Amino acid sequence: MSEYSSKLESKDMNFLFEGILSLKTKEECYKFFEDICTINEIKAFEQRFQVAKMLADKKTYMDIAGATGASTATISRINRALNYGSDGYKLILERLSSKE
């Protein structure tokens, strides 16, 4: 078990994450997330992750806003998470960049 502790942690949240970790393919991810989220919720995840990638790639707020449609408030919140958050974005971005 990890030493990391989240303020979100609970038995039910662990059950959700175990379910997500059981997904094996992109197709399975599409099926699950289309069932559990609204289209707008999924699109918000997509936008936030794209913003995080562009911030990590040192793009400007104006470039990011233009490419993603994200507000500067959203970009700023994601930038704060990248710099002072739990390193969740960094973890995934690093893993994806090592696959390229």
PDB file of N, CA and C in Angstrom:
ATOM      1  N   MET A   1       0.832  -1.186   0.000  1.00  0.00           N
ATOM      2  CA  MET A   1       0.000   0.000   0.000  1.00  0.00           C
ATOM      3  C   MET A   1       0.874   1.246   0.000  1.00  0.00           C
ATOM      4  N   SER A   2       0.456   2.253  -0.670  1.00  0.00           N
ATOM      5  CA  SER A   2       1.194   3.498  -0.805  1.00  0.00           C
ATOM      6  C   SER A   2       1.181   4.289   0.499  1.00  0.00           C
ATOM      7  N   GLU A   3       2.203   5.116   0.697  1.00  0.00           N
ATOM      8  CA  GLU A   3       2.244   6.008   1.851  1.00  0.00           C
ATOM      9  C   GLU A   3       1.413   7.258   1.598  1.00  0.00           C
ATOM     10  N   TYR A   4       1.028   7.516   0.354  1.00  0.00           N
ATOM     11  CA  TYR A   4       0.250   8.699   0.017  1.00  0.00           C
ATOM     12  C   TYR A   4      -1.132   8.608   0.645  1.00  0.00           C
ATOM     13  N   SER A   5      -1.577   9.710   1.201  1.00  0.00           N
ATOM     14  CA  SER A   5      -2.913   9.778   1.776  1.00  0.00           C
ATOM     15  C   SER A   5      -3.665  10.932   1.132  1.00  0.00           C
ATOM     16  N   SER A   6      -4.873  10.667   0.674  1.00  0.00           N
ATOM     17  CA  SER A   6      -5.704  11.675   0.025  1.00  0.00           C
ATOM     18  C   SER A   6      -6.879  12.038   0.916  1.00  0.00           C
ATOM     19  N   LYS A   7      -7.271  13.300   0.870  1.00  0.00           N
ATOM     20  CA  LYS A   7      -8.459  13.713   1.620  1.00  0.00           C
ATOM     21  C   LYS A   7      -9.723  13.126   1.000  1.00  0.00           C
ATOM     22  N   LEU A   8      -9.632  12.583  -0.206  1.00  0.00           N
ATOM     23  CA  LEU A   8     -10.762  11.942  -0.870  1.00  0.00           C
ATOM     24  C   LEU A   8     -10.920  10.469  -0.495  1.00  0.00           C
ATOM     25  N   GLU A   9      -9.898   9.915   0.136  1.00  0.00           N
ATOM     26  CA  GLU A   9      -9.868   8.473   0.352  1.00  0.00           C
ATOM     27  C   GLU A   9     -11.030   7.981   1.214  1.00  0.00           C
ATOM     28  N   SER A  10     -11.645   6.925   0.717  1.00  0.00           N
ATOM     29  CA  SER A  10     -12.718   6.240   1.441  1.00  0.00           C
ATOM     30  C   SER A  10     -12.850   4.843   0.858  1.00  0.00           C
ATOM     31  N   LYS A  11     -13.606   4.005   1.524  1.00  0.00           N
ATOM     32  CA  LYS A  11     -13.849   2.654   1.027  1.00  0.00           C
ATOM     33  C   LYS A  11     -14.513   2.711  -0.358  1.00  0.00           C
ATOM     34  N   ASP A  12     -15.502   3.578  -0.507  1.00  0.00           N
ATOM     35  CA  ASP A  12     -16.214   3.681  -1.783  1.00  0.00           C
ATOM     36  C   ASP A  12     -15.332   4.258  -2.887  1.00  0.00           C
ATOM     37  N   MET A  13     -14.472   5.237  -2.543  1.00  0.00           N
ATOM     38  CA  MET A  13     -13.560   5.794  -3.548  1.00  0.00           C
ATOM     39  C   MET A  13     -12.541   4.745  -3.959  1.00  0.00           C
ATOM     40  N   ASN A  14     -12.061   3.966  -3.006  1.00  0.00           N
ATOM     41  CA  ASN A  14     -11.141   2.868  -3.334  1.00  0.00           C
ATOM     42  C   ASN A  14     -11.801   1.878  -4.294  1.00  0.00           C
ATOM     43  N   PHE A  15     -13.075   1.577  -4.070  1.00  0.00           N
ATOM     44  CA  PHE A  15     -13.816   0.670  -4.946  1.00  0.00           C
ATOM     45  C   PHE A  15     -13.890   1.240  -6.365  1.00  0.00           C
ATOM     46  N   LEU A  16     -14.175   2.537  -6.479  1.00  0.00           N
ATOM     47  CA  LEU A  16     -14.204   3.187  -7.797  1.00  0.00           C
ATOM     48  C   LEU A  16     -12.843   3.077  -8.486  1.00  0.00           C
ATOM     49  N   PHE A  17     -11.782   3.414  -7.776  1.00  0.00           N
ATOM     50  CA  PHE A  17     -10.455   3.389  -8.383  1.00  0.00           C
ATOM     51  C   PHE A  17     -10.000   1.973  -8.734  1.00  0.00           C
ATOM     52  N   GLU A  18     -10.367   0.999  -7.922  1.00  0.00           N
ATOM     53  CA  GLU A  18     -10.063  -0.394  -8.270  1.00  0.00           C
ATOM     54  C   GLU A  18     -10.775  -0.760  -9.577  1.00  0.00           C
ATOM     55  N   GLY A  19     -12.006  -0.283  -9.714  1.00  0.00           N
ATOM     56  CA  GLY A  19     -12.728  -0.509 -10.964  1.00  0.00           C
ATOM     57  C   GLY A  19     -12.024   0.123 -12.147  1.00  0.00           C
ATOM     58  N   ILE A  20     -11.577   1.360 -11.994  1.00  0.00           N
ATOM     59  CA  ILE A  20     -10.860   2.049 -13.077  1.00  0.00           C
ATOM     60  C   ILE A  20      -9.567   1.309 -13.396  1.00  0.00           C
ATOM     61  N   LEU A  21      -8.843   0.894 -12.368  1.00  0.00           N
ATOM     62  CA  LEU A  21      -7.589   0.167 -12.590  1.00  0.00           C
ATOM     63  C   LEU A  21      -7.801  -1.184 -13.260  1.00  0.00           C
ATOM     64  N   SER A  22      -9.022  -1.726 -13.208  1.00  0.00           N
ATOM     65  CA  SER A  22      -9.296  -3.010 -13.858  1.00  0.00           C
ATOM     66  C   SER A  22      -9.492  -2.865 -15.366  1.00  0.00           C
ATOM     67  N   LEU A  23      -9.678  -1.632 -15.853  1.00  0.00           N
ATOM     68  CA  LEU A  23      -9.867  -1.421 -17.293  1.00  0.00           C
ATOM     69  C   LEU A  23      -8.571  -1.748 -18.021  1.00  0.00           C
ATOM     70  N   LYS A  24      -8.685  -2.447 -19.144  1.00  0.00           N
ATOM     71  CA  LYS A  24      -7.489  -2.923 -19.840  1.00  0.00           C
ATOM     72  C   LYS A  24      -7.250  -2.286 -21.204  1.00  0.00           C
ATOM     73  N   THR A  25      -8.270  -1.735 -21.832  1.00  0.00           N
ATOM     74  CA  THR A  25      -8.109  -1.174 -23.171  1.00  0.00           C
ATOM     75  C   THR A  25      -8.774   0.199 -23.252  1.00  0.00           C
ATOM     76  N   LYS A  26      -8.424   0.947 -24.291  1.00  0.00           N
ATOM     77  CA  LYS A  26      -9.092   2.231 -24.525  1.00  0.00           C
ATOM     78  C   LYS A  26     -10.584   2.013 -24.724  1.00  0.00           C
ATOM     79  N   GLU A  27     -10.945   0.949 -25.427  1.00  0.00           N
ATOM     80  CA  GLU A  27     -12.367   0.651 -25.657  1.00  0.00           C
ATOM     81  C   GLU A  27     -13.097   0.460 -24.324  1.00  0.00           C
ATOM     82  N   GLU A  28     -12.489  -0.267 -23.398  1.00  0.00           N
ATOM     83  CA  GLU A  28     -13.094  -0.446 -22.080  1.00  0.00           C
ATOM     84  C   GLU A  28     -13.224   0.894 -21.361  1.00  0.00           C
ATOM     85  N   CYS A  29     -12.218   1.757 -21.496  1.00  0.00           N
ATOM     86  CA  CYS A  29     -12.275   3.095 -20.890  1.00  0.00           C
ATOM     87  C   CYS A  29     -13.433   3.895 -21.467  1.00  0.00           C
ATOM     88  N   TYR A  30     -13.575   3.879 -22.788  1.00  0.00           N
ATOM     89  CA  TYR A  30     -14.696   4.590 -23.410  1.00  0.00           C
ATOM     90  C   TYR A  30     -16.019   4.073 -22.867  1.00  0.00           C
ATOM     91  N   LYS A  31     -16.183   2.766 -22.814  1.00  0.00           N
ATOM     92  CA  LYS A  31     -17.442   2.186 -22.335  1.00  0.00           C
ATOM     93  C   LYS A  31     -17.746   2.607 -20.904  1.00  0.00           C
ATOM     94  N   PHE A  32     -16.750   2.511 -20.026  1.00  0.00           N
ATOM     95  CA  PHE A  32     -16.965   2.842 -18.624  1.00  0.00           C
ATOM     96  C   PHE A  32     -17.247   4.329 -18.430  1.00  0.00           C
ATOM     97  N   PHE A  33     -16.379   5.177 -19.007  1.00  0.00           N
ATOM     98  CA  PHE A  33     -16.537   6.612 -18.771  1.00  0.00           C
ATOM     99  C   PHE A  33     -17.785   7.178 -19.441  1.00  0.00           C
ATOM    100  N   GLU A  34     -18.203   6.605 -20.563  1.00  0.00           N
ATOM    101  CA  GLU A  34     -19.463   7.042 -21.176  1.00  0.00           C
ATOM    102  C   GLU A  34     -20.649   6.679 -20.296  1.00  0.00           C
ATOM    103  N   ASP A  35     -20.542   5.591 -19.547  1.00  0.00           N
ATOM    104  CA  ASP A  35     -21.618   5.197 -18.638  1.00  0.00           C
ATOM    105  C   ASP A  35     -21.618   6.012 -17.347  1.00  0.00           C
ATOM    106  N   ILE A  36     -20.440   6.310 -16.806  1.00  0.00           N
ATOM    107  CA  ILE A  36     -20.366   6.923 -15.478  1.00  0.00           C
ATOM    108  C   ILE A  36     -20.391   8.457 -15.518  1.00  0.00           C
ATOM    109  N   CYS A  37     -19.998   9.044 -16.639  1.00  0.00           N
ATOM    110  CA  CYS A  37     -19.913  10.506 -16.744  1.00  0.00           C
ATOM    111  C   CYS A  37     -20.846  11.023 -17.829  1.00  0.00           C
ATOM    112  N   THR A  38     -21.193  12.300 -17.698  1.00  0.00           N
ATOM    113  CA  THR A  38     -21.874  12.962 -18.811  1.00  0.00           C
ATOM    114  C   THR A  38     -20.828  13.311 -19.860  1.00  0.00           C
ATOM    115  N   ILE A  39     -21.282  13.604 -21.061  1.00  0.00           N
ATOM    116  CA  ILE A  39     -20.356  14.020 -22.123  1.00  0.00           C
ATOM    117  C   ILE A  39     -19.578  15.263 -21.670  1.00  0.00           C
ATOM    118  N   ASN A  40     -20.270  16.220 -21.037  1.00  0.00           N
ATOM    119  CA  ASN A  40     -19.591  17.439 -20.587  1.00  0.00           C
ATOM    120  C   ASN A  40     -18.525  17.151 -19.536  1.00  0.00           C
ATOM    121  N   GLU A  41     -18.780  16.206 -18.645  1.00  0.00           N
ATOM    122  CA  GLU A  41     -17.776  15.843 -17.639  1.00  0.00           C
ATOM    123  C   GLU A  41     -16.549  15.220 -18.295  1.00  0.00           C
ATOM    124  N   ILE A  42     -16.776  14.327 -19.241  1.00  0.00           N
ATOM    125  CA  ILE A  42     -15.652  13.691 -19.945  1.00  0.00           C
ATOM    126  C   ILE A  42     -14.866  14.736 -20.727  1.00  0.00           C
ATOM    127  N   LYS A  43     -15.569  15.645 -21.396  1.00  0.00           N
ATOM    128  CA  LYS A  43     -14.906  16.703 -22.169  1.00  0.00           C
ATOM    129  C   LYS A  43     -14.107  17.625 -21.251  1.00  0.00           C
ATOM    130  N   ALA A  44     -14.601  17.862 -20.032  1.00  0.00           N
ATOM    131  CA  ALA A  44     -13.858  18.690 -19.072  1.00  0.00           C
ATOM    132  C   ALA A  44     -12.552  17.999 -18.671  1.00  0.00           C
ATOM    133  N   PHE A  45     -12.602  16.678 -18.438  1.00  0.00           N
ATOM    134  CA  PHE A  45     -11.373  15.927 -18.152  1.00  0.00           C
ATOM    135  C   PHE A  45     -10.397  16.046 -19.314  1.00  0.00           C
ATOM    136  N   GLU A  46     -10.917  15.848 -20.511  1.00  0.00           N
ATOM    137  CA  GLU A  46     -10.093  15.918 -21.713  1.00  0.00           C
ATOM    138  C   GLU A  46      -9.414  17.287 -21.820  1.00  0.00           C
ATOM    139  N   GLN A  47     -10.194  18.354 -21.614  1.00  0.00           N
ATOM    140  CA  GLN A  47      -9.657  19.705 -21.723  1.00  0.00           C
ATOM    141  C   GLN A  47      -8.587  19.952 -20.656  1.00  0.00           C
ATOM    142  N   ARG A  48      -8.862  19.565 -19.423  1.00  0.00           N
ATOM    143  CA  ARG A  48      -7.901  19.785 -18.339  1.00  0.00           C
ATOM    144  C   ARG A  48      -6.590  19.060 -18.596  1.00  0.00           C
ATOM    145  N   PHE A  49      -6.690  17.845 -19.109  1.00  0.00           N
ATOM    146  CA  PHE A  49      -5.473  17.081 -19.367  1.00  0.00           C
ATOM    147  C   PHE A  49      -4.685  17.694 -20.526  1.00  0.00           C
ATOM    148  N   GLN A  50      -5.387  18.182 -21.550  1.00  0.00           N
ATOM    149  CA  GLN A  50      -4.711  18.855 -22.661  1.00  0.00           C
ATOM    150  C   GLN A  50      -4.026  20.128 -22.175  1.00  0.00           C
ATOM    151  N   VAL A  51      -4.709  20.887 -21.316  1.00  0.00           N
ATOM    152  CA  VAL A  51      -4.107  22.094 -20.734  1.00  0.00           C
ATOM    153  C   VAL A  51      -2.849  21.719 -19.955  1.00  0.00           C
ATOM    154  N   ALA A  52      -2.917  20.678 -19.144  1.00  0.00           N
ATOM    155  CA  ALA A  52      -1.753  20.243 -18.368  1.00  0.00           C
ATOM    156  C   ALA A  52      -0.591  19.879 -19.280  1.00  0.00           C
ATOM    157  N   LYS A  53      -0.880  19.185 -20.364  1.00  0.00           N
ATOM    158  CA  LYS A  53       0.183  18.813 -21.312  1.00  0.00           C
ATOM    159  C   LYS A  53       0.804  20.050 -21.940  1.00  0.00           C
ATOM    160  N   MET A  54      -0.037  20.995 -22.336  1.00  0.00           N
ATOM    161  CA  MET A  54       0.481  22.213 -22.966  1.00  0.00           C
ATOM    162  C   MET A  54       1.285  23.058 -21.974  1.00  0.00           C
ATOM    163  N   LEU A  55       0.843  23.120 -20.711  1.00  0.00           N
ATOM    164  CA  LEU A  55       1.622  23.830 -19.692  1.00  0.00           C
ATOM    165  C   LEU A  55       2.973  23.153 -19.485  1.00  0.00           C
ATOM    166  N   ALA A  56       2.969  21.837 -19.431  1.00  0.00           N
ATOM    167  CA  ALA A  56       4.224  21.091 -19.277  1.00  0.00           C
ATOM    168  C   ALA A  56       5.150  21.319 -20.461  1.00  0.00           C
ATOM    169  N   ASP A  57       4.549  21.564 -21.635  1.00  0.00           N
ATOM    170  CA  ASP A  57       5.325  21.857 -22.848  1.00  0.00           C
ATOM    171  C   ASP A  57       5.684  23.336 -22.960  1.00  0.00           C
ATOM    172  N   LYS A  58       5.413  24.109 -21.893  1.00  0.00           N
ATOM    173  CA  LYS A  58       5.778  25.527 -21.792  1.00  0.00           C
ATOM    174  C   LYS A  58       5.033  26.435 -22.767  1.00  0.00           C
ATOM    175  N   LYS A  59       3.803  26.070 -23.115  1.00  0.00           N
ATOM    176  CA  LYS A  59       2.972  26.925 -23.961  1.00  0.00           C
ATOM    177  C   LYS A  59       2.443  28.088 -23.123  1.00  0.00           C
ATOM    178  N   THR A  60       2.126  29.205 -23.773  1.00  0.00           N
ATOM    179  CA  THR A  60       1.598  30.369 -23.058  1.00  0.00           C
ATOM    180  C   THR A  60       0.113  30.179 -22.772  1.00  0.00           C
ATOM    181  N   TYR A  61      -0.379  30.929 -21.792  1.00  0.00           N
ATOM    182  CA  TYR A  61      -1.801  30.877 -21.469  1.00  0.00           C
ATOM    183  C   TYR A  61      -2.642  31.214 -22.692  1.00  0.00           C
ATOM    184  N   MET A  62      -2.213  32.213 -23.463  1.00  0.00           N
ATOM    185  CA  MET A  62      -2.984  32.618 -24.649  1.00  0.00           C
ATOM    186  C   MET A  62      -3.020  31.491 -25.686  1.00  0.00           C
ATOM    187  N   ASP A  63      -1.898  30.839 -25.913  1.00  0.00           N
ATOM    188  CA  ASP A  63      -1.860  29.707 -26.847  1.00  0.00           C
ATOM    189  C   ASP A  63      -2.775  28.579 -26.360  1.00  0.00           C
ATOM    190  N   ILE A  64      -2.715  28.303 -25.064  1.00  0.00           N
ATOM    191  CA  ILE A  64      -3.518  27.221 -24.488  1.00  0.00           C
ATOM    192  C   ILE A  64      -5.006  27.547 -24.575  1.00  0.00           C
ATOM    193  N   ALA A  65      -5.365  28.782 -24.215  1.00  0.00           N
ATOM    194  CA  ALA A  65      -6.773  29.197 -24.281  1.00  0.00           C
ATOM    195  C   ALA A  65      -7.284  29.092 -25.716  1.00  0.00           C
ATOM    196  N   GLY A  66      -6.473  29.519 -26.672  1.00  0.00           N
ATOM    197  CA  GLY A  66      -6.876  29.458 -28.073  1.00  0.00           C
ATOM    198  C   GLY A  66      -7.047  28.039 -28.584  1.00  0.00           C
ATOM    199  N   ALA A  67      -6.165  27.152 -28.169  1.00  0.00           N
ATOM    200  CA  ALA A  67      -6.195  25.769 -28.662  1.00  0.00           C
ATOM    201  C   ALA A  67      -7.261  24.917 -27.970  1.00  0.00           C
ATOM    202  N   THR A  68      -7.529  25.210 -26.701  1.00  0.00           N
ATOM    203  CA  THR A  68      -8.410  24.325 -25.932  1.00  0.00           C
ATOM    204  C   THR A  68      -9.766  24.934 -25.607  1.00  0.00           C
ATOM    205  N   GLY A  69      -9.855  26.250 -25.653  1.00  0.00           N
ATOM    206  CA  GLY A  69     -11.077  26.928 -25.243  1.00  0.00           C
ATOM    207  C   GLY A  69     -11.187  27.075 -23.731  1.00  0.00           C
ATOM    208  N   ALA A  70     -10.146  26.683 -23.001  1.00  0.00           N
ATOM    209  CA  ALA A  70     -10.157  26.796 -21.545  1.00  0.00           C
ATOM    210  C   ALA A  70     -10.016  28.257 -21.136  1.00  0.00           C
ATOM    211  N   SER A  71     -10.677  28.620 -20.036  1.00  0.00           N
ATOM    212  CA  SER A  71     -10.541  29.974 -19.508  1.00  0.00           C
ATOM    213  C   SER A  71      -9.175  30.117 -18.837  1.00  0.00           C
ATOM    214  N   THR A  72      -8.727  31.369 -18.682  1.00  0.00           N
ATOM    215  CA  THR A  72      -7.452  31.579 -17.995  1.00  0.00           C
ATOM    216  C   THR A  72      -7.549  31.138 -16.536  1.00  0.00           C
ATOM    217  N   ALA A  73      -8.746  31.201 -15.940  1.00  0.00           N
ATOM    218  CA  ALA A  73      -8.922  30.711 -14.562  1.00  0.00           C
ATOM    219  C   ALA A  73      -8.680  29.203 -14.498  1.00  0.00           C
ATOM    220  N   THR A  74      -9.211  28.466 -15.460  1.00  0.00           N
ATOM    221  CA  THR A  74      -8.997  27.017 -15.511  1.00  0.00           C
ATOM    222  C   THR A  74      -7.525  26.710 -15.736  1.00  0.00           C
ATOM    223  N   ILE A  75      -6.903  27.432 -16.658  1.00  0.00           N
ATOM    224  CA  ILE A  75      -5.480  27.216 -16.943  1.00  0.00           C
ATOM    225  C   ILE A  75      -4.649  27.490 -15.694  1.00  0.00           C
ATOM    226  N   SER A  76      -4.973  28.561 -14.988  1.00  0.00           N
ATOM    227  CA  SER A  76      -4.255  28.916 -13.774  1.00  0.00           C
ATOM    228  C   SER A  76      -4.420  27.850 -12.701  1.00  0.00           C
ATOM    229  N   ARG A  77      -5.630  27.318 -12.537  1.00  0.00           N
ATOM    230  CA  ARG A  77      -5.882  26.266 -11.546  1.00  0.00           C
ATOM    231  C   ARG A  77      -5.062  25.013 -11.876  1.00  0.00           C
ATOM    232  N   ILE A  78      -4.988  24.658 -13.150  1.00  0.00           N
ATOM    233  CA  ILE A  78      -4.221  23.476 -13.558  1.00  0.00           C
ATOM    234  C   ILE A  78      -2.729  23.726 -13.381  1.00  0.00           C
ATOM    235  N   ASN A  79      -2.297  24.944 -13.679  1.00  0.00           N
ATOM    236  CA  ASN A  79      -0.895  25.296 -13.476  1.00  0.00           C
ATOM    237  C   ASN A  79      -0.522  25.186 -11.995  1.00  0.00           C
ATOM    238  N   ARG A  80      -1.424  25.621 -11.127  1.00  0.00           N
ATOM    239  CA  ARG A  80      -1.201  25.516  -9.677  1.00  0.00           C
ATOM    240  C   ARG A  80      -1.106  24.033  -9.268  1.00  0.00           C
ATOM    241  N   ALA A  81      -1.965  23.207  -9.843  1.00  0.00           N
ATOM    242  CA  ALA A  81      -1.913  21.767  -9.547  1.00  0.00           C
ATOM    243  C   ALA A  81      -0.598  21.156 -10.028  1.00  0.00           C
ATOM    244  N   LEU A  82      -0.135  21.588 -11.187  1.00  0.00           N
ATOM    245  CA  LEU A  82       1.141  21.073 -11.700  1.00  0.00           C
ATOM    246  C   LEU A  82       2.307  21.466 -10.796  1.00  0.00           C
ATOM    247  N   ASN A  83       2.256  22.665 -10.261  1.00  0.00           N
ATOM    248  CA  ASN A  83       3.370  23.163  -9.460  1.00  0.00           C
ATOM    249  C   ASN A  83       3.277  22.829  -7.978  1.00  0.00           C
ATOM    250  N   TYR A  84       2.068  22.741  -7.450  1.00  0.00           N
ATOM    251  CA  TYR A  84       1.917  22.576  -6.003  1.00  0.00           C
ATOM    252  C   TYR A  84       0.955  21.456  -5.615  1.00  0.00           C
ATOM    253  N   GLY A  85       0.498  20.677  -6.576  1.00  0.00           N
ATOM    254  CA  GLY A  85      -0.498  19.650  -6.309  1.00  0.00           C
ATOM    255  C   GLY A  85       0.115  18.329  -5.875  1.00  0.00           C
ATOM    256  N   SER A  86      -0.605  17.275  -6.116  1.00  0.00           N
ATOM    257  CA  SER A  86      -0.212  15.924  -5.688  1.00  0.00           C
ATOM    258  C   SER A  86       0.633  15.189  -6.720  1.00  0.00           C
ATOM    259  N   ASP A  87       1.011  15.863  -7.807  1.00  0.00           N
ATOM    260  CA  ASP A  87       1.846  15.311  -8.881  1.00  0.00           C
ATOM    261  C   ASP A  87       1.137  14.258  -9.727  1.00  0.00           C
ATOM    262  N   GLY A  88      -0.198  14.235  -9.689  1.00  0.00           N
ATOM    263  CA  GLY A  88      -0.949  13.297 -10.512  1.00  0.00           C
ATOM    264  C   GLY A  88      -0.789  13.569 -12.002  1.00  0.00           C
ATOM    265  N   TYR A  89      -0.908  14.844 -12.380  1.00  0.00           N
ATOM    266  CA  TYR A  89      -0.699  15.188 -13.790  1.00  0.00           C
ATOM    267  C   TYR A  89       0.709  14.796 -14.221  1.00  0.00           C
ATOM    268  N   LYS A  90       1.710  15.183 -13.418  1.00  0.00           N
ATOM    269  CA  LYS A  90       3.106  14.904 -13.763  1.00  0.00           C
ATOM    270  C   LYS A  90       3.357  13.410 -13.940  1.00  0.00           C
ATOM    271  N   LEU A  91       2.797  12.618 -13.042  1.00  0.00           N
ATOM    272  CA  LEU A  91       2.974  11.166 -13.102  1.00  0.00           C
ATOM    273  C   LEU A  91       2.530  10.617 -14.458  1.00  0.00           C
ATOM    274  N   ILE A  92       1.329  10.984 -14.859  1.00  0.00           N
ATOM    275  CA  ILE A  92       0.793  10.461 -16.115  1.00  0.00           C
ATOM    276  C   ILE A  92       1.519  11.050 -17.320  1.00  0.00           C
ATOM    277  N   LEU A  93       1.786  12.348 -17.299  1.00  0.00           N
ATOM    278  CA  LEU A  93       2.485  12.968 -18.433  1.00  0.00           C
ATOM    279  C   LEU A  93       3.867  12.369 -18.623  1.00  0.00           C
ATOM    280  N   GLU A  94       4.569  12.105 -17.533  1.00  0.00           N
ATOM    281  CA  GLU A  94       5.900  11.478 -17.626  1.00  0.00           C
ATOM    282  C   GLU A  94       5.790  10.069 -18.205  1.00  0.00           C
ATOM    283  N   ARG A  95       4.807   9.317 -17.752  1.00  0.00           N
ATOM    284  CA  ARG A  95       4.636   7.956 -18.270  1.00  0.00           C
ATOM    285  C   ARG A  95       4.296   7.971 -19.752  1.00  0.00           C
ATOM    286  N   LEU A  96       3.445   8.893 -20.154  1.00  0.00           N
ATOM    287  CA  LEU A  96       3.086   8.970 -21.574  1.00  0.00           C
ATOM    288  C   LEU A  96       4.255   9.441 -22.437  1.00  0.00           C
ATOM    289  N   SER A  97       5.051  10.374 -21.925  1.00  0.00           N
ATOM    290  CA  SER A  97       6.186  10.866 -22.719  1.00  0.00           C
ATOM    291  C   SER A  97       7.253   9.796 -22.864  1.00  0.00           C
ATOM    292  N   SER A  98       7.378   8.901 -21.879  1.00  0.00           N
ATOM    293  CA  SER A  98       8.365   7.830 -21.989  1.00  0.00           C
ATOM    294  C   SER A  98       7.925   6.763 -22.998  1.00  0.00           C
ATOM    295  N   LYS A  99       6.640   6.730 -23.345  1.00  0.00           N
ATOM    296  CA  LYS A  99       6.126   5.788 -24.333  1.00  0.00           C
ATOM    297  C   LYS A  99       6.360   6.270 -25.765  1.00  0.00           C
ATOM    298  N   GLU A 100       6.563   7.583 -25.906  1.00  0.00           N
ATOM    299  CA  GLU A 100       6.689   8.154 -27.260  1.00  0.00           C
ATOM    300  C   GLU A 100       8.002   7.793 -27.920  1.00  0.00           C
TER     301      GLU A 100
END
